[in-house]
Amino acid sequence: MNTLAGKVAIVTGASAGIGRATAKLFAVEGAKVIVAARRQAELDALVDEIAEAGGEAVALSGDVKDEALAKALVATASGRFGGLDIAFNNAGALGKIGPVGAMTLDDWRDTIDTNLTSAFLGAKYQVPAMLARGGGSLLFTSSFVGHTAAGLPGMAAYAASKAGLIGFTKALAAELGPQGIRVNAVLPGGTDTDMAPAGDSDARAFVENLHALKRIAEPEEIARPVLHLASDAASFITGTAQLVDGGVSINLG
């Protein structure tokens, strides 16, 4: 039996990496999926793959910093599929890496808005749609960065945005729990996505060695815990910051 049969889900950052893997898995498990990212061609290819596998998906391109996209995604979920049950607010960016003294206010705001303000905008429209269905599962992609005892130099804006997501998750979980909406964050470790070191075997080996498992994850290895949190199998789980990090936090922290 498909674990998400009859469910409707939004996945942002779906053109590649964790978002793409999760959208495909949600569809395999029976959900109708609305996928979002900035790159339309990649989204169209994803929708085609999902359809070829027997699933159903629709794509909307845009920037998660744009409130109009957050509103349009929920409107599409309701208009095309009758409502919304699950939202995986996954889109994010490392932003500019470097010392705070060299960072401009625009650099700071771009990272905070991409990773944290976008989560607020998503939830602002997703929550009422979920309440109309009697509940749902709201999910965010945070990071071990900004959560564990480890601090990584040059990543102040990224760490602040990802730590903020955890606080946002906990506050929403307390606020929405009585109304049947569960809210959780998943905290990946190093994952083989566009953010992973590319073309530099020494850099990749260094990152892999930081993890207790001595490797980084495939996107599908993050998607499976997201599926669990989205599904009824996690019906008593809310307000968590779920580490899926291959032990990087225990090695660094």
Protein backbone atom coordinates (compact mmCIF):
# COMPACT_ATOMS: atom_id res chain seq x y z
CA MET A 1 0.00 0.00 0.00
CA ASN A 2 1.33 3.44 -0.93
CA THR A 3 2.03 5.43 2.22
CA LEU A 4 0.88 8.75 0.73
CA ALA A 5 -2.13 7.52 -1.25
CA GLY A 6 -4.69 10.29 -1.64
CA LYS A 7 -2.30 12.99 -0.36
CA VAL A 8 -1.31 16.22 -2.10
CA ALA A 9 2.20 17.55 -1.53
CA ILE A 10 4.27 20.62 -2.38
CA VAL A 11 8.05 20.23 -2.77
CA THR A 12 10.28 23.27 -3.30
CA GLY A 13 13.84 23.15 -4.53
CA ALA A 14 12.70 20.22 -6.66
CA SER A 15 14.84 20.69 -9.75
CA ALA A 16 17.77 18.75 -8.29
CA GLY A 17 19.18 17.02 -5.24
CA ILE A 18 17.09 16.34 -2.15
CA GLY A 19 13.98 18.08 -3.47
CA ARG A 20 14.00 16.14 -6.72
CA ALA A 21 14.55 12.80 -4.98
CA THR A 22 11.78 13.57 -2.47
CA ALA A 23 9.28 14.62 -5.13
CA LYS A 24 9.87 11.36 -7.01
CA LEU A 25 9.54 9.31 -3.83
CA PHE A 26 6.36 11.11 -2.77
CA ALA A 27 4.87 10.37 -6.20
CA VAL A 28 5.90 6.70 -6.06
CA GLU A 29 4.18 6.51 -2.68
CA GLY A 30 0.92 7.81 -4.13
CA ALA A 31 0.98 11.57 -3.59
CA LYS A 32 0.04 14.12 -6.22
CA VAL A 33 2.94 16.54 -6.23
CA ILE A 34 3.39 20.22 -7.02
CA VAL A 35 7.09 20.83 -7.66
CA ALA A 36 8.80 24.21 -7.59
CA ALA A 37 12.24 25.62 -8.37
CA ARG A 38 13.73 28.37 -10.50
CA ARG A 39 14.64 26.15 -13.47
CA GLN A 40 11.60 25.34 -15.59
CA ALA A 41 13.33 22.88 -17.92
CA GLU A 42 14.52 20.72 -15.03
CA LEU A 43 11.07 20.81 -13.46
CA ASP A 44 9.44 19.78 -16.72
CA ALA A 45 11.83 16.83 -16.99
CA LEU A 46 10.94 15.82 -13.42
CA VAL A 47 7.21 15.98 -14.13
CA ASP A 48 7.75 13.79 -17.20
CA GLU A 49 9.71 11.23 -15.14
CA ILE A 50 6.99 11.12 -12.51
CA ALA A 51 4.31 10.66 -15.19
CA GLU A 52 6.28 7.88 -16.89
CA ALA A 53 6.43 6.07 -13.55
CA GLY A 54 2.65 6.32 -13.19
CA GLY A 55 2.53 9.34 -10.89
CA GLU A 56 1.01 12.78 -11.21
CA ALA A 57 2.79 16.11 -10.81
CA VAL A 58 2.62 19.71 -11.92
CA ALA A 59 5.47 22.25 -11.98
CA LEU A 60 5.64 25.94 -11.14
CA SER A 61 8.89 27.83 -11.62
CA GLY A 62 9.84 30.83 -9.53
CA ASP A 63 11.90 32.16 -6.63
CA VAL A 64 10.91 31.03 -3.12
CA LYS A 65 11.71 34.56 -1.92
CA ASP A 66 8.69 35.71 -3.91
CA GLU A 67 5.42 35.66 -1.94
CA ALA A 68 3.48 35.27 -5.19
CA LEU A 69 5.08 31.84 -5.75
CA ALA A 70 4.11 30.63 -2.26
CA LYS A 71 0.53 31.69 -2.91
CA ALA A 72 0.46 30.17 -6.40
CA LEU A 73 1.75 26.80 -5.21
CA VAL A 74 -1.09 26.44 -2.71
CA ALA A 75 -3.62 27.70 -5.24
CA THR A 76 -2.39 25.06 -7.68
CA ALA A 77 -2.61 22.32 -5.06
CA SER A 78 -6.18 23.30 -4.28
CA GLY A 79 -7.25 24.00 -7.85
CA ARG A 80 -5.69 20.96 -9.50
CA PHE A 81 -5.86 18.37 -6.74
CA GLY A 82 -8.46 19.61 -4.26
CA GLY A 83 -6.30 20.63 -1.32
CA LEU A 84 -2.96 20.28 0.45
CA ASP A 85 -1.74 17.70 2.97
CA ILE A 86 2.06 17.91 2.91
CA ALA A 87 4.56 20.68 2.22
CA PHE A 88 8.31 20.11 2.06
CA ASN A 89 9.89 23.56 2.10
CA ASN A 90 13.30 22.43 0.96
CA ALA A 91 14.70 25.18 -1.29
CA GLY A 92 17.80 26.84 0.06
CA ALA A 93 21.27 28.16 -0.69
CA LEU A 94 24.67 28.36 0.96
CA GLY A 95 24.88 32.03 0.10
CA LYS A 96 28.12 33.96 0.10
CA ILE A 97 30.84 32.23 2.10
CA GLY A 98 33.33 34.43 3.95
CA PRO A 99 33.97 36.53 7.05
CA VAL A 100 31.16 38.70 8.36
CA GLY A 101 33.25 41.82 7.90
CA ALA A 102 33.41 41.20 4.16
CA MET A 103 29.70 40.46 3.82
CA THR A 104 27.34 43.10 2.50
CA LEU A 105 23.84 43.62 3.85
CA ASP A 106 22.48 42.39 0.52
CA ASP A 107 24.54 39.18 0.87
CA TRP A 108 23.12 38.63 4.36
CA ARG A 109 19.55 39.35 3.37
CA ASP A 110 19.71 37.13 0.30
CA THR A 111 20.75 34.09 2.36
CA ILE A 112 18.28 34.78 5.17
CA ASP A 113 15.44 35.39 2.71
CA THR A 114 16.22 32.30 0.64
CA ASN A 115 16.51 29.92 3.57
CA LEU A 116 14.32 31.37 6.32
CA THR A 117 11.91 34.01 5.02
CA SER A 118 10.86 31.60 2.26
CA ALA A 119 9.82 29.13 4.97
CA PHE A 120 7.60 31.78 6.55
CA LEU A 121 6.06 32.61 3.18
CA GLY A 122 5.44 28.95 2.45
CA ALA A 123 3.82 28.29 5.81
CA LYS A 124 1.72 31.45 5.60
CA TYR A 125 -0.26 29.97 2.71
CA GLN A 126 0.21 26.26 3.35
CA VAL A 127 -1.21 26.24 6.87
CA PRO A 128 -4.71 27.50 5.99
CA ALA A 129 -4.94 24.96 3.17
CA MET A 130 -3.94 22.15 5.53
CA LEU A 131 -6.42 23.32 8.16
CA ALA A 132 -9.14 23.09 5.53
CA ARG A 133 -8.24 19.38 5.18
CA GLY A 134 -8.24 18.84 8.94
CA GLY A 135 -4.47 18.72 9.37
CA GLY A 136 -1.25 17.95 7.58
CA SER A 137 2.53 17.67 7.70
CA LEU A 138 4.72 20.74 7.32
CA LEU A 139 8.44 20.10 6.71
CA PHE A 140 11.56 22.22 6.40
CA THR A 141 15.16 21.51 5.41
CA SER A 142 17.50 22.88 8.05
CA SER A 143 21.09 21.69 8.66
CA PHE A 144 23.41 20.45 11.36
CA VAL A 145 25.17 23.78 10.73
CA GLY A 146 23.81 26.19 13.32
CA HIS A 147 22.34 23.36 15.42
CA THR A 148 25.19 21.30 16.87
CA ALA A 149 28.17 22.45 18.89
CA ALA A 150 30.15 22.77 15.68
CA GLY A 151 30.69 26.20 14.18
CA LEU A 152 31.96 26.51 10.63
CA PRO A 153 33.89 29.67 9.77
CA GLY A 154 32.61 31.81 6.92
CA MET A 155 29.05 30.48 7.15
CA ALA A 156 27.43 32.96 9.54
CA ALA A 157 24.43 33.81 7.36
CA TYR A 158 23.79 30.20 6.42
CA ALA A 159 24.10 29.03 10.03
CA ALA A 160 21.81 31.80 11.27
CA SER A 161 19.17 30.99 8.66
CA LYS A 162 19.25 27.25 9.36
CA ALA A 163 19.19 27.75 13.14
CA GLY A 164 16.28 30.11 12.66
CA LEU A 165 14.42 27.39 10.77
CA ILE A 166 14.65 25.11 13.79
CA GLY A 167 13.19 27.77 16.06
CA PHE A 168 10.48 28.44 13.50
CA THR A 169 9.70 24.71 13.33
CA LYS A 170 9.33 24.40 17.09
CA ALA A 171 7.14 27.48 17.43
CA LEU A 172 4.85 26.35 14.60
CA ALA A 173 4.65 22.82 16.02
CA ALA A 174 3.40 24.19 19.34
CA GLU A 175 1.04 26.61 17.61
CA LEU A 176 -0.46 24.16 15.14
CA GLY A 177 -0.40 20.85 17.01
CA PRO A 178 -3.85 21.35 18.55
CA GLN A 179 -5.21 21.80 15.02
CA GLY A 180 -3.74 18.59 13.63
CA ILE A 181 -0.71 19.95 11.77
CA ARG A 182 2.65 18.36 12.52
CA VAL A 183 5.77 20.46 11.90
CA ASN A 184 9.27 19.02 11.63
CA ALA A 185 12.68 19.88 10.24
CA VAL A 186 15.14 17.49 8.65
CA LEU A 187 18.84 18.27 9.11
CA PRO A 188 20.98 16.64 6.39
CA GLY A 189 24.71 16.18 6.55
CA GLY A 190 26.84 16.38 3.45
CA THR A 191 24.80 15.26 0.45
CA ASP A 192 25.70 14.70 -3.18
CA THR A 193 23.91 17.77 -4.54
CA ASP A 194 24.91 20.99 -6.30
CA MET A 195 26.24 22.21 -2.92
CA ALA A 196 28.73 19.35 -2.60
CA PRO A 197 32.39 19.90 -3.57
CA ALA A 198 32.71 19.29 -7.31
CA GLY A 199 35.82 18.60 -9.34
CA ASP A 200 38.10 18.59 -6.29
CA SER A 201 38.72 15.09 -4.99
CA ASP A 202 40.72 16.33 -1.99
CA ALA A 203 37.91 18.66 -0.88
CA ARG A 204 35.34 15.92 -1.28
CA ALA A 205 37.48 13.45 0.68
CA PHE A 206 37.86 16.03 3.47
CA VAL A 207 34.09 16.53 3.69
CA GLU A 208 33.45 12.79 3.60
CA ASN A 209 35.92 12.22 6.42
CA LEU A 210 34.06 14.65 8.67
CA HIS A 211 31.18 12.17 8.81
CA ALA A 212 31.16 9.15 11.13
CA LEU A 213 30.12 7.05 8.12
CA LYS A 214 33.07 8.44 6.13
CA ARG A 215 30.94 9.34 3.13
CA ILE A 216 28.26 11.82 2.12
CA ALA A 217 24.65 10.91 1.42
CA GLU A 218 22.86 10.26 -1.80
CA PRO A 219 19.77 12.53 -2.08
CA GLU A 220 17.51 9.48 -1.80
CA GLU A 221 18.94 8.81 1.67
CA ILE A 222 17.56 12.15 2.84
CA ALA A 223 14.29 11.71 0.95
CA ARG A 224 13.38 8.54 2.82
CA PRO A 225 13.40 10.16 6.30
CA VAL A 226 11.42 13.07 4.83
CA LEU A 227 8.84 10.56 3.57
CA HIS A 228 8.63 9.07 7.05
CA LEU A 229 8.01 12.46 8.66
CA ALA A 230 5.43 13.32 6.01
CA SER A 231 3.52 10.07 6.44
CA ASP A 232 1.09 8.78 9.03
CA ALA A 233 3.89 6.53 10.30
CA ALA A 234 5.16 9.68 12.06
CA SER A 235 1.73 10.62 13.44
CA PHE A 236 3.13 11.32 16.94
CA ILE A 237 6.23 13.20 15.81
CA THR A 238 6.19 16.99 15.80
CA GLY A 239 8.54 19.81 16.69
CA THR A 240 11.65 17.76 15.95
CA ALA A 241 14.98 18.71 14.41
CA GLN A 242 15.71 15.32 12.84
CA LEU A 243 19.40 14.79 12.15
CA VAL A 244 20.04 12.77 8.99
CA ASP A 245 23.72 13.61 8.88
CA GLY A 246 25.80 10.45 8.73
CA GLY A 247 27.27 11.33 12.12
CA VAL A 248 28.92 14.58 11.06
CA SER A 249 27.48 16.37 14.09
CA ILE A 250 28.97 13.92 16.58
CA ASN A 251 32.36 14.09 14.89
CA LEU A 252 32.42 17.89 14.76
CA GLY A 253 30.50 18.62 17.94
